[in-house]
Amino acid sequence: MFASVEEVREKLAEQKYICSKEIAVALFLAEKLEKPVLVEGPAGVGKTDLGKVAAAALGREFIRLQCYEGLDES
């Protein structure tokens, strides 16, 4: 668990990930409120990396769900 927004930034930095204060606040609040984080944006901006380092910083498993138009259960 993160004790503060600064700790979020420190833990992510330990994983070689530099994040903005806004991202750190979002991760801190999501963890405190036990809510998921939805990250969207164009390809190549670091969405998957953010998930991986956040999971590592919390000592949790990273599960990637690839969503795209046309995705179905088959």
N, C-alpha and C. Protein backbone atom coordinates (compact mmCIF):
# COMPACT_ATOMS: atom_id res chain seq x y z
N MET A 1 0.84 -1.18 0.00
CA MET A 1 0.00 0.00 0.00
C MET A 1 0.88 1.24 0.00
N PHE A 2 0.37 2.25 -0.65
CA PHE A 2 1.08 3.52 -0.69
C PHE A 2 0.61 4.40 0.47
N ALA A 3 1.55 5.01 1.16
CA ALA A 3 1.22 5.89 2.27
C ALA A 3 0.97 7.32 1.82
N SER A 4 1.52 7.69 0.65
CA SER A 4 1.37 9.06 0.16
C SER A 4 1.59 9.09 -1.35
N VAL A 5 1.26 10.22 -1.93
CA VAL A 5 1.49 10.42 -3.36
C VAL A 5 2.99 10.39 -3.65
N GLU A 6 3.78 10.96 -2.77
CA GLU A 6 5.23 10.94 -2.96
C GLU A 6 5.78 9.52 -2.93
N GLU A 7 5.21 8.68 -2.09
CA GLU A 7 5.66 7.29 -2.05
C GLU A 7 5.34 6.59 -3.37
N VAL A 8 4.21 6.91 -3.97
CA VAL A 8 3.88 6.36 -5.29
C VAL A 8 4.99 6.72 -6.27
N ARG A 9 5.35 7.99 -6.30
CA ARG A 9 6.40 8.44 -7.23
C ARG A 9 7.73 7.75 -6.94
N GLU A 10 8.06 7.59 -5.66
CA GLU A 10 9.31 6.92 -5.28
C GLU A 10 9.31 5.46 -5.70
N LYS A 11 8.20 4.76 -5.45
CA LYS A 11 8.12 3.33 -5.79
C LYS A 11 8.17 3.12 -7.30
N LEU A 12 7.53 4.01 -8.05
CA LEU A 12 7.59 3.89 -9.51
C LEU A 12 8.99 4.22 -10.01
N ALA A 13 9.65 5.18 -9.38
CA ALA A 13 11.02 5.53 -9.76
C ALA A 13 11.96 4.35 -9.52
N GLU A 14 11.71 3.59 -8.46
CA GLU A 14 12.51 2.39 -8.19
C GLU A 14 12.37 1.38 -9.33
N GLN A 15 11.25 1.43 -10.02
CA GLN A 15 11.00 0.54 -11.17
C GLN A 15 11.47 1.18 -12.48
N LYS A 16 12.21 2.29 -12.37
CA LYS A 16 12.73 3.03 -13.53
C LYS A 16 11.61 3.68 -14.35
N TYR A 17 10.55 4.14 -13.66
CA TYR A 17 9.43 4.81 -14.32
C TYR A 17 9.24 6.17 -13.67
N ILE A 18 9.31 7.21 -14.45
CA ILE A 18 9.11 8.57 -13.94
C ILE A 18 7.69 8.99 -14.30
N CYS A 19 6.91 9.35 -13.28
CA CYS A 19 5.52 9.73 -13.55
C CYS A 19 5.25 11.15 -13.08
N SER A 20 4.22 11.72 -13.66
CA SER A 20 3.79 13.06 -13.27
C SER A 20 3.05 12.98 -11.93
N LYS A 21 2.86 14.13 -11.32
CA LYS A 21 2.12 14.17 -10.06
C LYS A 21 0.68 13.72 -10.28
N GLU A 22 0.10 14.06 -11.44
CA GLU A 22 -1.28 13.68 -11.74
C GLU A 22 -1.44 12.16 -11.79
N ILE A 23 -0.50 11.49 -12.42
CA ILE A 23 -0.56 10.03 -12.48
C ILE A 23 -0.38 9.44 -11.09
N ALA A 24 0.54 9.98 -10.32
CA ALA A 24 0.77 9.50 -8.96
C ALA A 24 -0.48 9.67 -8.10
N VAL A 25 -1.16 10.80 -8.23
CA VAL A 25 -2.39 11.05 -7.47
C VAL A 25 -3.46 10.03 -7.87
N ALA A 26 -3.62 9.80 -9.17
CA ALA A 26 -4.62 8.85 -9.65
C ALA A 26 -4.35 7.44 -9.11
N LEU A 27 -3.10 7.01 -9.14
CA LEU A 27 -2.75 5.69 -8.63
C LEU A 27 -2.94 5.61 -7.12
N PHE A 28 -2.54 6.66 -6.42
CA PHE A 28 -2.70 6.69 -4.96
C PHE A 28 -4.17 6.57 -4.57
N LEU A 29 -5.02 7.39 -5.20
CA LEU A 29 -6.44 7.37 -4.86
C LEU A 29 -7.11 6.05 -5.25
N ALA A 30 -6.75 5.52 -6.41
CA ALA A 30 -7.32 4.24 -6.84
C ALA A 30 -6.98 3.14 -5.85
N GLU A 31 -5.75 3.12 -5.39
CA GLU A 31 -5.33 2.10 -4.43
C GLU A 31 -6.03 2.29 -3.09
N LYS A 32 -6.14 3.53 -2.63
CA LYS A 32 -6.79 3.80 -1.35
C LYS A 32 -8.28 3.47 -1.39
N LEU A 33 -8.93 3.76 -2.52
CA LEU A 33 -10.37 3.53 -2.66
C LEU A 33 -10.69 2.13 -3.18
N GLU A 34 -9.62 1.34 -3.43
CA GLU A 34 -9.77 -0.02 -3.96
C GLU A 34 -10.57 -0.02 -5.26
N LYS A 35 -10.19 0.86 -6.15
CA LYS A 35 -10.84 1.00 -7.46
C LYS A 35 -9.84 0.71 -8.56
N PRO A 36 -10.33 0.26 -9.71
CA PRO A 36 -9.42 0.01 -10.84
C PRO A 36 -8.99 1.32 -11.49
N VAL A 37 -7.97 1.22 -12.31
CA VAL A 37 -7.49 2.36 -13.07
C VAL A 37 -7.69 2.05 -14.54
N LEU A 38 -8.38 2.91 -15.26
CA LEU A 38 -8.55 2.77 -16.70
C LEU A 38 -7.59 3.73 -17.36
N VAL A 39 -6.72 3.20 -18.19
CA VAL A 39 -5.73 4.02 -18.89
C VAL A 39 -5.99 3.87 -20.38
N GLU A 40 -6.23 4.99 -21.04
CA GLU A 40 -6.46 4.94 -22.48
C GLU A 40 -5.61 5.99 -23.18
N GLY A 41 -5.33 5.74 -24.44
CA GLY A 41 -4.53 6.66 -25.22
C GLY A 41 -3.98 5.96 -26.44
N PRO A 42 -3.31 6.71 -27.29
CA PRO A 42 -2.76 6.12 -28.51
C PRO A 42 -1.64 5.12 -28.21
N ALA A 43 -1.36 4.31 -29.20
CA ALA A 43 -0.30 3.31 -29.07
C ALA A 43 1.05 3.98 -28.79
N GLY A 44 1.82 3.35 -27.91
CA GLY A 44 3.18 3.80 -27.68
C GLY A 44 3.39 4.88 -26.64
N VAL A 45 2.35 5.22 -25.88
CA VAL A 45 2.51 6.29 -24.89
C VAL A 45 2.86 5.78 -23.48
N GLY A 46 2.88 4.45 -23.28
CA GLY A 46 3.30 3.90 -22.00
C GLY A 46 2.21 3.36 -21.10
N LYS A 47 1.05 3.08 -21.67
CA LYS A 47 -0.06 2.57 -20.86
C LYS A 47 0.28 1.23 -20.21
N THR A 48 0.79 0.31 -20.99
CA THR A 48 1.14 -1.01 -20.47
C THR A 48 2.28 -0.91 -19.47
N ASP A 49 3.27 -0.11 -19.77
CA ASP A 49 4.39 0.06 -18.83
C ASP A 49 3.91 0.60 -17.49
N LEU A 50 2.98 1.54 -17.51
CA LEU A 50 2.44 2.07 -16.26
C LEU A 50 1.79 0.96 -15.45
N GLY A 51 1.00 0.13 -16.09
CA GLY A 51 0.37 -0.98 -15.39
C GLY A 51 1.38 -1.95 -14.81
N LYS A 52 2.40 -2.26 -15.59
CA LYS A 52 3.43 -3.20 -15.14
C LYS A 52 4.20 -2.67 -13.93
N VAL A 53 4.61 -1.41 -13.99
CA VAL A 53 5.39 -0.86 -12.87
C VAL A 53 4.52 -0.63 -11.64
N ALA A 54 3.26 -0.25 -11.84
CA ALA A 54 2.36 -0.07 -10.69
C ALA A 54 2.14 -1.41 -9.99
N ALA A 55 1.92 -2.47 -10.77
CA ALA A 55 1.75 -3.80 -10.17
C ALA A 55 3.02 -4.22 -9.43
N ALA A 56 4.17 -4.02 -10.04
CA ALA A 56 5.43 -4.38 -9.40
C ALA A 56 5.65 -3.59 -8.11
N ALA A 57 5.32 -2.30 -8.14
CA ALA A 57 5.50 -1.45 -6.96
C ALA A 57 4.61 -1.90 -5.80
N LEU A 58 3.46 -2.47 -6.13
CA LEU A 58 2.53 -2.94 -5.11
C LEU A 58 2.72 -4.42 -4.78
N GLY A 59 3.63 -5.08 -5.50
CA GLY A 59 3.85 -6.50 -5.27
C GLY A 59 2.69 -7.35 -5.72
N ARG A 60 2.02 -6.92 -6.79
CA ARG A 60 0.85 -7.64 -7.30
C ARG A 60 1.10 -8.14 -8.71
N GLU A 61 0.27 -9.09 -9.11
CA GLU A 61 0.36 -9.65 -10.45
C GLU A 61 -0.21 -8.66 -11.46
N PHE A 62 0.45 -8.55 -12.61
CA PHE A 62 -0.05 -7.71 -13.70
C PHE A 62 -0.81 -8.59 -14.67
N ILE A 63 -2.06 -8.27 -14.92
CA ILE A 63 -2.88 -8.99 -15.88
C ILE A 63 -3.26 -8.02 -16.98
N ARG A 64 -2.86 -8.34 -18.20
CA ARG A 64 -3.13 -7.45 -19.33
C ARG A 64 -4.36 -7.94 -20.08
N LEU A 65 -5.31 -7.04 -20.32
CA LEU A 65 -6.50 -7.33 -21.10
C LEU A 65 -6.45 -6.46 -22.34
N GLN A 66 -6.28 -7.08 -23.47
CA GLN A 66 -6.20 -6.35 -24.74
C GLN A 66 -7.62 -6.17 -25.27
N CYS A 67 -8.11 -4.95 -25.33
CA CYS A 67 -9.46 -4.67 -25.81
C CYS A 67 -9.39 -3.93 -27.14
N TYR A 68 -10.25 -4.31 -28.04
CA TYR A 68 -10.31 -3.65 -29.33
C TYR A 68 -11.67 -3.90 -29.95
N GLU A 69 -12.03 -3.09 -30.91
CA GLU A 69 -13.30 -3.23 -31.60
C GLU A 69 -13.35 -4.60 -32.26
N GLY A 70 -14.44 -5.30 -32.09
CA GLY A 70 -14.58 -6.62 -32.67
C GLY A 70 -14.21 -7.74 -31.72
N LEU A 71 -13.77 -7.42 -30.51
CA LEU A 71 -13.41 -8.43 -29.52
C LEU A 71 -14.68 -9.15 -29.07
N ASP A 72 -14.65 -10.48 -29.10
CA ASP A 72 -15.79 -11.25 -28.60
C ASP A 72 -15.28 -12.42 -27.77
N GLU A 73 -16.21 -13.24 -27.30
CA GLU A 73 -15.85 -14.33 -26.39
C GLU A 73 -15.20 -15.52 -27.08
N SER A 74 -15.25 -15.60 -28.41
CA SER A 74 -14.73 -16.79 -29.11
C SER A 74 -13.24 -16.82 -29.24
